[in-house]
Amino acid sequence: MPVDLSTVNWTYVAILSVFVFVACLLGSIISFKRKVAAAIIAAVLFAAGFVFWTYYPRENFPDAIKSLPSSAR
């Protein structure tokens, strides 16, 4: 396997998975079960959550959250 699974930050993967789940759930609810509209809404919601989580300054957050990877640093 070309990916070394021992180097994966599983906490970060879990947080992003929760973002995807919530975005898909909200997209489905907002679009009234229309698949294309739900996919578009979910993509926009995930992008917003990802940008917030990755680039929001974490100086005032608890140490456990500050230690998560961020490309903004």
N, C-alpha and C. Protein backbone atom coordinates (compact mmCIF):
# COMPACT_ATOMS: atom_id res chain seq x y z
N MET A 1 0.85 -1.17 0.00
CA MET A 1 0.00 0.00 0.00
C MET A 1 0.91 1.24 0.00
N PRO A 2 0.68 2.18 -0.93
CA PRO A 2 1.56 3.35 -1.01
C PRO A 2 1.37 4.36 0.12
N VAL A 3 0.30 4.26 0.89
CA VAL A 3 0.06 5.19 1.99
C VAL A 3 0.43 4.51 3.29
N ASP A 4 1.26 5.16 4.08
CA ASP A 4 1.63 4.63 5.39
C ASP A 4 0.55 5.05 6.38
N LEU A 5 -0.30 4.12 6.77
CA LEU A 5 -1.45 4.43 7.63
C LEU A 5 -1.04 4.86 9.03
N SER A 6 0.17 4.57 9.43
CA SER A 6 0.61 4.98 10.76
C SER A 6 0.90 6.48 10.82
N THR A 7 1.04 7.14 9.68
CA THR A 7 1.31 8.57 9.67
C THR A 7 0.05 9.41 9.50
N VAL A 8 -1.09 8.77 9.33
CA VAL A 8 -2.35 9.48 9.13
C VAL A 8 -2.81 10.07 10.46
N ASN A 9 -3.22 11.33 10.43
CA ASN A 9 -3.79 11.97 11.62
C ASN A 9 -5.28 11.61 11.65
N TRP A 10 -5.61 10.57 12.40
CA TRP A 10 -6.96 10.03 12.39
C TRP A 10 -7.97 10.97 13.03
N THR A 11 -7.53 11.81 13.94
CA THR A 11 -8.44 12.80 14.53
C THR A 11 -8.93 13.78 13.47
N TYR A 12 -8.00 14.24 12.64
CA TYR A 12 -8.34 15.17 11.57
C TYR A 12 -9.27 14.51 10.56
N VAL A 13 -9.01 13.26 10.22
CA VAL A 13 -9.88 12.52 9.30
C VAL A 13 -11.28 12.38 9.89
N ALA A 14 -11.37 12.09 11.17
CA ALA A 14 -12.68 11.95 11.82
C ALA A 14 -13.44 13.26 11.82
N ILE A 15 -12.76 14.36 12.10
CA ILE A 15 -13.42 15.67 12.10
C ILE A 15 -13.94 16.02 10.71
N LEU A 16 -13.14 15.79 9.69
CA LEU A 16 -13.59 16.07 8.33
C LEU A 16 -14.73 15.14 7.93
N SER A 17 -14.71 13.90 8.40
CA SER A 17 -15.81 12.98 8.11
C SER A 17 -17.11 13.46 8.74
N VAL A 18 -17.02 14.01 9.93
CA VAL A 18 -18.22 14.57 10.57
C VAL A 18 -18.74 15.76 9.76
N PHE A 19 -17.82 16.61 9.27
CA PHE A 19 -18.23 17.74 8.42
C PHE A 19 -18.97 17.24 7.19
N VAL A 20 -18.45 16.20 6.54
CA VAL A 20 -19.09 15.66 5.34
C VAL A 20 -20.47 15.09 5.68
N PHE A 21 -20.56 14.35 6.77
CA PHE A 21 -21.85 13.77 7.17
C PHE A 21 -22.89 14.86 7.41
N VAL A 22 -22.52 15.87 8.18
CA VAL A 22 -23.46 16.96 8.49
C VAL A 22 -23.83 17.72 7.22
N ALA A 23 -22.84 17.99 6.36
CA ALA A 23 -23.12 18.71 5.11
C ALA A 23 -24.09 17.91 4.23
N CYS A 24 -23.88 16.61 4.12
CA CYS A 24 -24.79 15.77 3.31
C CYS A 24 -26.18 15.71 3.92
N LEU A 25 -26.24 15.58 5.23
CA LEU A 25 -27.53 15.52 5.90
C LEU A 25 -28.31 16.82 5.70
N LEU A 26 -27.65 17.96 5.93
CA LEU A 26 -28.31 19.25 5.74
C LEU A 26 -28.66 19.49 4.27
N GLY A 27 -27.77 19.10 3.36
CA GLY A 27 -28.06 19.26 1.94
C GLY A 27 -29.28 18.48 1.52
N SER A 28 -29.43 17.27 2.05
CA SER A 28 -30.60 16.45 1.74
C SER A 28 -31.88 17.05 2.31
N ILE A 29 -31.80 17.56 3.51
CA ILE A 29 -32.98 18.16 4.15
C ILE A 29 -33.39 19.45 3.43
N ILE A 30 -32.42 20.30 3.13
CA ILE A 30 -32.72 21.60 2.51
C ILE A 30 -33.26 21.43 1.09
N SER A 31 -32.76 20.42 0.36
CA SER A 31 -33.14 20.27 -1.05
C SER A 31 -34.40 19.45 -1.26
N PHE A 32 -35.01 18.97 -0.18
CA PHE A 32 -36.23 18.16 -0.28
C PHE A 32 -36.04 16.94 -1.17
N LYS A 33 -34.93 16.23 -0.96
CA LYS A 33 -34.62 14.95 -1.62
C LYS A 33 -34.27 15.06 -3.11
N ARG A 34 -33.98 16.26 -3.60
CA ARG A 34 -33.50 16.38 -4.99
C ARG A 34 -32.00 16.13 -4.97
N LYS A 35 -31.54 15.11 -5.69
CA LYS A 35 -30.17 14.63 -5.57
C LYS A 35 -29.13 15.64 -6.01
N VAL A 36 -29.31 16.27 -7.14
CA VAL A 36 -28.31 17.22 -7.64
C VAL A 36 -28.24 18.45 -6.73
N ALA A 37 -29.38 18.95 -6.34
CA ALA A 37 -29.40 20.11 -5.44
C ALA A 37 -28.76 19.75 -4.10
N ALA A 38 -29.03 18.55 -3.61
CA ALA A 38 -28.44 18.12 -2.35
C ALA A 38 -26.92 18.03 -2.45
N ALA A 39 -26.43 17.52 -3.58
CA ALA A 39 -24.98 17.41 -3.77
C ALA A 39 -24.32 18.79 -3.82
N ILE A 40 -24.96 19.73 -4.49
CA ILE A 40 -24.41 21.09 -4.58
C ILE A 40 -24.40 21.75 -3.21
N ILE A 41 -25.50 21.64 -2.50
CA ILE A 41 -25.59 22.24 -1.16
C ILE A 41 -24.57 21.60 -0.23
N ALA A 42 -24.44 20.28 -0.28
CA ALA A 42 -23.48 19.59 0.58
C ALA A 42 -22.05 20.02 0.26
N ALA A 43 -21.73 20.18 -1.01
CA ALA A 43 -20.38 20.61 -1.39
C ALA A 43 -20.08 22.02 -0.87
N VAL A 44 -21.05 22.91 -0.97
CA VAL A 44 -20.86 24.28 -0.48
C VAL A 44 -20.73 24.29 1.04
N LEU A 45 -21.58 23.52 1.73
CA LEU A 45 -21.50 23.46 3.19
C LEU A 45 -20.18 22.86 3.66
N PHE A 46 -19.72 21.80 2.97
CA PHE A 46 -18.44 21.21 3.35
C PHE A 46 -17.30 22.18 3.11
N ALA A 47 -17.32 22.87 1.97
CA ALA A 47 -16.26 23.84 1.69
C ALA A 47 -16.21 24.92 2.75
N ALA A 48 -17.38 25.41 3.17
CA ALA A 48 -17.43 26.43 4.21
C ALA A 48 -16.88 25.89 5.53
N GLY A 49 -17.29 24.71 5.92
CA GLY A 49 -16.79 24.11 7.16
C GLY A 49 -15.30 23.83 7.11
N PHE A 50 -14.82 23.34 5.97
CA PHE A 50 -13.39 23.04 5.83
C PHE A 50 -12.55 24.31 5.90
N VAL A 51 -12.97 25.35 5.20
CA VAL A 51 -12.22 26.61 5.23
C VAL A 51 -12.23 27.19 6.64
N PHE A 52 -13.38 27.14 7.32
CA PHE A 52 -13.44 27.64 8.69
C PHE A 52 -12.50 26.86 9.58
N TRP A 53 -12.55 25.53 9.53
CA TRP A 53 -11.74 24.70 10.41
C TRP A 53 -10.25 24.85 10.11
N THR A 54 -9.88 24.97 8.85
CA THR A 54 -8.47 25.00 8.48
C THR A 54 -7.83 26.37 8.68
N TYR A 55 -8.57 27.45 8.41
CA TYR A 55 -7.95 28.77 8.40
C TYR A 55 -8.35 29.67 9.56
N TYR A 56 -9.28 29.26 10.41
CA TYR A 56 -9.68 30.09 11.53
C TYR A 56 -8.56 30.13 12.56
N PRO A 57 -8.18 31.31 13.04
CA PRO A 57 -7.11 31.37 14.05
C PRO A 57 -7.51 30.65 15.33
N ARG A 58 -6.60 29.83 15.85
CA ARG A 58 -6.92 29.00 17.01
C ARG A 58 -6.22 29.45 18.29
N GLU A 59 -5.83 30.68 18.40
CA GLU A 59 -5.10 31.14 19.57
C GLU A 59 -5.93 31.01 20.85
N ASN A 60 -7.24 31.18 20.77
CA ASN A 60 -8.10 31.15 21.94
C ASN A 60 -8.74 29.79 22.18
N PHE A 61 -8.41 28.79 21.38
CA PHE A 61 -9.00 27.47 21.51
C PHE A 61 -8.21 26.63 22.52
N PRO A 62 -8.82 25.57 23.04
CA PRO A 62 -8.08 24.66 23.94
C PRO A 62 -6.89 24.03 23.23
N ASP A 63 -5.92 23.55 23.99
CA ASP A 63 -4.69 22.99 23.43
C ASP A 63 -4.93 21.81 22.50
N ALA A 64 -5.93 20.98 22.78
CA ALA A 64 -6.20 19.82 21.94
C ALA A 64 -6.59 20.25 20.53
N ILE A 65 -7.32 21.33 20.40
CA ILE A 65 -7.73 21.81 19.08
C ILE A 65 -6.57 22.53 18.40
N LYS A 66 -5.76 23.25 19.15
CA LYS A 66 -4.61 23.95 18.56
C LYS A 66 -3.62 22.99 17.94
N SER A 67 -3.54 21.78 18.44
CA SER A 67 -2.54 20.83 17.96
C SER A 67 -2.92 20.19 16.63
N LEU A 68 -4.16 20.36 16.18
CA LEU A 68 -4.58 19.78 14.91
C LEU A 68 -3.88 20.49 13.76
N PRO A 69 -3.65 19.80 12.65
CA PRO A 69 -2.94 20.42 11.54
C PRO A 69 -3.72 21.58 10.92
N SER A 70 -2.98 22.55 10.45
CA SER A 70 -3.59 23.69 9.79
C SER A 70 -2.64 24.18 8.72
N SER A 71 -3.15 24.35 7.51
CA SER A 71 -2.29 24.83 6.44
C SER A 71 -2.11 26.34 6.52
N ALA A 72 -2.84 27.01 7.43
CA ALA A 72 -2.73 28.45 7.56
C ALA A 72 -1.53 28.86 8.39
N ARG A 73 -0.89 27.91 9.08
CA ARG A 73 0.27 28.24 9.91
C ARG A 73 1.52 28.32 9.11
